[in-house]
Every structure is written in C-alpha cells, then in structure tokens.
C-alpha cells in the first residue's frame, strides 16, 4: 500500500488498481488517508485501507473500473452515514445516496440491462455488479 510524505505522491503501482485508473486527486485522497490511518492504527493495514476507502467515497464514486468525482460530497450509503460500528452493508463505491436519475445515467453509461424497470435499490446492486465486472476485465 502507498507511503507518502509531505508533498510526495504515492507510487502509482502501490495503489489499488481502480485508483491507478483514476485522477490524481482521488489517488492522493486515498494515499494520504491510508498513511495517516496506518500510523494511527498501529500499522493495521486492513483498518487503514477501510479508512482510506471511506475517505475516498466521501468525494468519489466508483464508475466501472475507476473512481470519478461525485456531484455532491457526503456519505455514499447507510453504512457510511452510521459510521464504523454500522451493520449496514456497503454499496461498494456506488453512491447509493445519489438521485435515481443519476444512478440511471451511470447504468446507461455501463450498459446495465433492464435498468429502466429497476427501482433505486436494484440500480445500486446492478451498478455494483457492473463495476465489479469492469474492474475484473480491466485487471486481465
């Protein structure tokens, strides 16, 4: 995982693959939070990664195989709203708090079949599945 110092960027190949295909600001957000959390959590890499993804998801959403800026900053799902002790499932980078219209636009962009008949919850799940498939394909 990334290690950054002041005014230093993480090496791109140290970042998760979805971030390697994302803009520099997303990479920096993840790397800086990861490094800070790693120090705070006594080198617990798993916990640091969770904190870094939580920070990233506040400003970015996963679209296919990369992360894009969200239209509005804030928690991306019920789990993010409730915090670390939440038992709610994560939306896996999909901004479940976005409007249905926004989710439909992303579903169209990712060519999700049957999207016009889906409710908001179904769209979130379909987008998660489409994102996972795009990430798998990009890693091949």
C-alpha atoms as a PDB file:
ATOM      1  CA  UNK A   1       0.000   0.000   0.000  1.00  0.00           C
ATOM      2  CA  UNK A   2       1.041   3.618  -0.509  1.00  0.00           C
ATOM      3  CA  UNK A   3       3.511   5.536   1.569  1.00  0.00           C
ATOM      4  CA  UNK A   4       3.585   9.285   1.078  1.00  0.00           C
ATOM      5  CA  UNK A   5       5.434  12.066   2.780  1.00  0.00           C
ATOM      6  CA  UNK A   6       4.782  15.774   2.736  1.00  0.00           C
ATOM      7  CA  UNK A   7       4.485  16.996  -0.888  1.00  0.00           C
ATOM      8  CA  UNK A   8       5.097  13.462  -2.154  1.00  0.00           C
ATOM      9  CA  UNK A   9       2.794  11.250  -4.213  1.00  0.00           C
ATOM     10  CA  UNK A  10       2.382   7.525  -3.675  1.00  0.00           C
ATOM     11  CA  UNK A  11       3.855   5.425  -6.433  1.00  0.00           C
ATOM     12  CA  UNK A  12       1.017   4.630  -8.754  1.00  0.00           C
ATOM     13  CA  UNK A  13       1.771   0.892  -8.759  1.00  0.00           C
ATOM     14  CA  UNK A  14       1.279   0.798  -4.951  1.00  0.00           C
ATOM     15  CA  UNK A  15      -2.349   1.902  -5.239  1.00  0.00           C
ATOM     16  CA  UNK A  16      -5.342  -0.402  -5.754  1.00  0.00           C
ATOM     17  CA  UNK A  17      -5.905  -0.941  -9.480  1.00  0.00           C
ATOM     18  CA  UNK A  18      -9.148   1.054  -9.561  1.00  0.00           C
ATOM     19  CA  UNK A  19      -7.261   4.062  -8.220  1.00  0.00           C
ATOM     20  CA  UNK A  20      -4.432   3.596 -10.706  1.00  0.00           C
ATOM     21  CA  UNK A  21      -7.034   4.346 -13.398  1.00  0.00           C
ATOM     22  CA  UNK A  22      -8.428   7.385 -11.535  1.00  0.00           C
ATOM     23  CA  UNK A  23      -7.460  11.044 -11.400  1.00  0.00           C
ATOM     24  CA  UNK A  24      -4.524  12.221  -9.272  1.00  0.00           C
ATOM     25  CA  UNK A  25      -6.727  13.875  -6.634  1.00  0.00           C
ATOM     26  CA  UNK A  26      -8.516  10.573  -5.944  1.00  0.00           C
ATOM     27  CA  UNK A  27      -5.150   8.825  -5.682  1.00  0.00           C
ATOM     28  CA  UNK A  28      -3.855  11.484  -3.277  1.00  0.00           C
ATOM     29  CA  UNK A  29      -7.010  11.347  -1.123  1.00  0.00           C
ATOM     30  CA  UNK A  30      -6.668   7.595  -0.711  1.00  0.00           C
ATOM     31  CA  UNK A  31      -2.888   7.595  -0.159  1.00  0.00           C
ATOM     32  CA  UNK A  32      -2.812  10.408   2.404  1.00  0.00           C
ATOM     33  CA  UNK A  33      -5.683   8.940   4.411  1.00  0.00           C
ATOM     34  CA  UNK A  34      -4.156   5.468   4.249  1.00  0.00           C
ATOM     35  CA  UNK A  35      -0.778   6.663   5.513  1.00  0.00           C
ATOM     36  CA  UNK A  36      -2.310   8.703   8.316  1.00  0.00           C
ATOM     37  CA  UNK A  37      -4.577   5.843   9.369  1.00  0.00           C
ATOM     38  CA  UNK A  38      -1.691   3.385   9.255  1.00  0.00           C
ATOM     39  CA  UNK A  39       0.148   5.495  11.817  1.00  0.00           C
ATOM     40  CA  UNK A  40      -2.980   5.925  13.967  1.00  0.00           C
ATOM     41  CA  UNK A  41      -3.948   2.247  13.924  1.00  0.00           C
ATOM     42  CA  UNK A  42      -0.528   0.773  14.796  1.00  0.00           C
ATOM     43  CA  UNK A  43       0.235  -0.453  11.285  1.00  0.00           C
ATOM     44  CA  UNK A  44      -3.112  -2.266  10.890  1.00  0.00           C
ATOM     45  CA  UNK A  45      -3.171  -2.284   7.066  1.00  0.00           C
ATOM     46  CA  UNK A  46      -6.719  -3.617   6.796  1.00  0.00           C
ATOM     47  CA  UNK A  47      -8.133  -0.908   9.052  1.00  0.00           C
ATOM     48  CA  UNK A  48      -6.083   1.769   7.274  1.00  0.00           C
ATOM     49  CA  UNK A  49      -7.439   0.616   3.897  1.00  0.00           C
ATOM     50  CA  UNK A  50     -11.029   0.767   5.194  1.00  0.00           C
ATOM     51  CA  UNK A  51     -10.441   4.322   6.445  1.00  0.00           C
ATOM     52  CA  UNK A  52      -8.876   5.337   3.116  1.00  0.00           C
ATOM     53  CA  UNK A  53     -11.796   3.938   1.114  1.00  0.00           C
ATOM     54  CA  UNK A  54     -14.272   5.665   3.461  1.00  0.00           C
ATOM     55  CA  UNK A  55     -12.496   8.975   2.876  1.00  0.00           C
ATOM     56  CA  UNK A  56     -12.385   8.396  -0.886  1.00  0.00           C
ATOM     57  CA  UNK A  57     -16.091   7.541  -1.057  1.00  0.00           C
ATOM     58  CA  UNK A  58     -16.981  10.860   0.586  1.00  0.00           C
ATOM     59  CA  UNK A  59     -15.927  12.698  -2.589  1.00  0.00           C
ATOM     60  CA  UNK A  60     -15.736   9.978  -5.264  1.00  0.00           C
ATOM     61  CA  UNK A  61     -17.888   7.165  -6.591  1.00  0.00           C
ATOM     62  CA  UNK A  62     -16.827   4.038  -8.409  1.00  0.00           C
ATOM     63  CA  UNK A  63     -17.839   4.063 -12.058  1.00  0.00           C
ATOM     64  CA  UNK A  64     -16.847   0.925 -13.893  1.00  0.00           C
ATOM     65  CA  UNK A  65     -13.149   0.262 -13.279  1.00  0.00           C
ATOM     66  CA  UNK A  66     -12.201   3.656 -11.752  1.00  0.00           C
ATOM     67  CA  UNK A  67     -13.309   6.448  -9.391  1.00  0.00           C
ATOM     68  CA  UNK A  68     -14.970   9.700 -10.519  1.00  0.00           C
ATOM     69  CA  UNK A  69     -15.800  12.840  -8.502  1.00  0.00           C
ATOM     70  CA  UNK A  70     -19.302  12.851  -7.023  1.00  0.00           C
ATOM     71  CA  UNK A  71     -21.638  15.729  -7.804  1.00  0.00           C
ATOM     72  CA  UNK A  72     -22.132  16.362  -4.096  1.00  0.00           C
ATOM     73  CA  UNK A  73     -19.781  15.406  -1.261  1.00  0.00           C
ATOM     74  CA  UNK A  74     -21.103  13.299   1.564  1.00  0.00           C
ATOM     75  CA  UNK A  75     -21.655   9.741   2.736  1.00  0.00           C
ATOM     76  CA  UNK A  76     -22.270   7.302  -0.084  1.00  0.00           C
ATOM     77  CA  UNK A  77     -24.519   4.813   1.709  1.00  0.00           C
ATOM     78  CA  UNK A  78     -26.190   3.927   5.035  1.00  0.00           C
ATOM     79  CA  UNK A  79     -23.015   2.296   6.338  1.00  0.00           C
ATOM     80  CA  UNK A  80     -21.028   5.496   5.739  1.00  0.00           C
ATOM     81  CA  UNK A  81     -23.754   7.568   7.396  1.00  0.00           C
ATOM     82  CA  UNK A  82     -23.768   5.403  10.532  1.00  0.00           C
ATOM     83  CA  UNK A  83     -20.004   5.012  10.874  1.00  0.00           C
ATOM     84  CA  UNK A  84     -17.590   2.211  11.696  1.00  0.00           C
ATOM     85  CA  UNK A  85     -19.945   0.345  14.047  1.00  0.00           C
ATOM     86  CA  UNK A  86     -22.682   0.114  11.400  1.00  0.00           C
ATOM     87  CA  UNK A  87     -24.016  -3.297  10.480  1.00  0.00           C
ATOM     88  CA  UNK A  88     -25.484  -1.973   7.224  1.00  0.00           C
ATOM     89  CA  UNK A  89     -23.932  -3.299   4.009  1.00  0.00           C
ATOM     90  CA  UNK A  90     -21.680  -1.054   1.947  1.00  0.00           C
ATOM     91  CA  UNK A  91     -22.690  -0.075  -1.579  1.00  0.00           C
ATOM     92  CA  UNK A  92     -19.153  -0.852  -2.753  1.00  0.00           C
ATOM     93  CA  UNK A  93     -18.343   2.598  -4.073  1.00  0.00           C
ATOM     94  CA  UNK A  94     -21.734   3.230  -5.671  1.00  0.00           C
ATOM     95  CA  UNK A  95     -23.221   6.497  -4.389  1.00  0.00           C
ATOM     96  CA  UNK A  96     -26.448   4.979  -3.074  1.00  0.00           C
ATOM     97  CA  UNK A  97     -27.482   8.414  -1.779  1.00  0.00           C
ATOM     98  CA  UNK A  98     -27.447   9.899  -5.291  1.00  0.00           C
ATOM     99  CA  UNK A  99     -30.708  10.506  -7.125  1.00  0.00           C
ATOM    100  CA  UNK A 100     -32.337   7.724  -9.108  1.00  0.00           C
ATOM    101  CA  UNK A 101     -31.778   9.825 -12.241  1.00  0.00           C
ATOM    102  CA  UNK A 102     -28.030   9.926 -11.553  1.00  0.00           C
ATOM    103  CA  UNK A 103     -27.950   6.161 -10.986  1.00  0.00           C
ATOM    104  CA  UNK A 104     -29.865   5.634 -14.241  1.00  0.00           C
ATOM    105  CA  UNK A 105     -27.292   7.763 -16.127  1.00  0.00           C
ATOM    106  CA  UNK A 106     -24.467   5.626 -14.715  1.00  0.00           C
ATOM    107  CA  UNK A 107     -26.384   2.438 -15.539  1.00  0.00           C
ATOM    108  CA  UNK A 108     -26.788   3.672 -19.121  1.00  0.00           C
ATOM    109  CA  UNK A 109     -23.067   4.508 -19.285  1.00  0.00           C
ATOM    110  CA  UNK A 110     -22.203   1.000 -18.034  1.00  0.00           C
ATOM    111  CA  UNK A 111     -24.847  -0.623 -20.280  1.00  0.00           C
ATOM    112  CA  UNK A 112     -26.781  -2.232 -17.411  1.00  0.00           C
ATOM    113  CA  UNK A 113     -29.570  -4.301 -18.940  1.00  0.00           C
ATOM    114  CA  UNK A 114     -33.129  -3.780 -17.636  1.00  0.00           C
ATOM    115  CA  UNK A 115     -32.203  -0.515 -15.901  1.00  0.00           C
ATOM    116  CA  UNK A 116     -35.376   1.348 -16.888  1.00  0.00           C
ATOM    117  CA  UNK A 117     -37.520  -1.084 -14.884  1.00  0.00           C
ATOM    118  CA  UNK A 118     -35.321  -1.066 -11.751  1.00  0.00           C
ATOM    119  CA  UNK A 119     -36.050   0.748  -8.512  1.00  0.00           C
ATOM    120  CA  UNK A 120     -33.250   2.657  -6.792  1.00  0.00           C
ATOM    121  CA  UNK A 121     -32.089  -0.284  -4.658  1.00  0.00           C
ATOM    122  CA  UNK A 122     -31.959  -2.569  -7.690  1.00  0.00           C
ATOM    123  CA  UNK A 123     -29.963   0.054  -9.596  1.00  0.00           C
ATOM    124  CA  UNK A 124     -27.399   0.268  -6.780  1.00  0.00           C
ATOM    125  CA  UNK A 125     -26.947  -3.518  -6.798  1.00  0.00           C
ATOM    126  CA  UNK A 126     -26.769  -3.644 -10.596  1.00  0.00           C
ATOM    127  CA  UNK A 127     -24.170  -0.867 -10.625  1.00  0.00           C
ATOM    128  CA  UNK A 128     -22.090  -2.707  -8.023  1.00  0.00           C
ATOM    129  CA  UNK A 129     -22.185  -5.794 -10.228  1.00  0.00           C
ATOM    130  CA  UNK A 130     -21.297  -3.788 -13.358  1.00  0.00           C
ATOM    131  CA  UNK A 131     -18.433  -2.047 -11.520  1.00  0.00           C
ATOM    132  CA  UNK A 132     -17.059  -5.378 -10.298  1.00  0.00           C
ATOM    133  CA  UNK A 133     -17.232  -6.833 -13.816  1.00  0.00           C
ATOM    134  CA  UNK A 134     -15.480  -3.776 -15.303  1.00  0.00           C
ATOM    135  CA  UNK A 135     -12.745  -3.986 -12.664  1.00  0.00           C
ATOM    136  CA  UNK A 136     -12.208  -7.704 -13.304  1.00  0.00           C
ATOM    137  CA  UNK A 137     -11.968  -7.067 -17.044  1.00  0.00           C
ATOM    138  CA  UNK A 138      -9.512  -4.183 -16.563  1.00  0.00           C
ATOM    139  CA  UNK A 139      -7.257  -6.401 -14.439  1.00  0.00           C
ATOM    140  CA  UNK A 140      -6.980  -9.077 -17.152  1.00  0.00           C
END
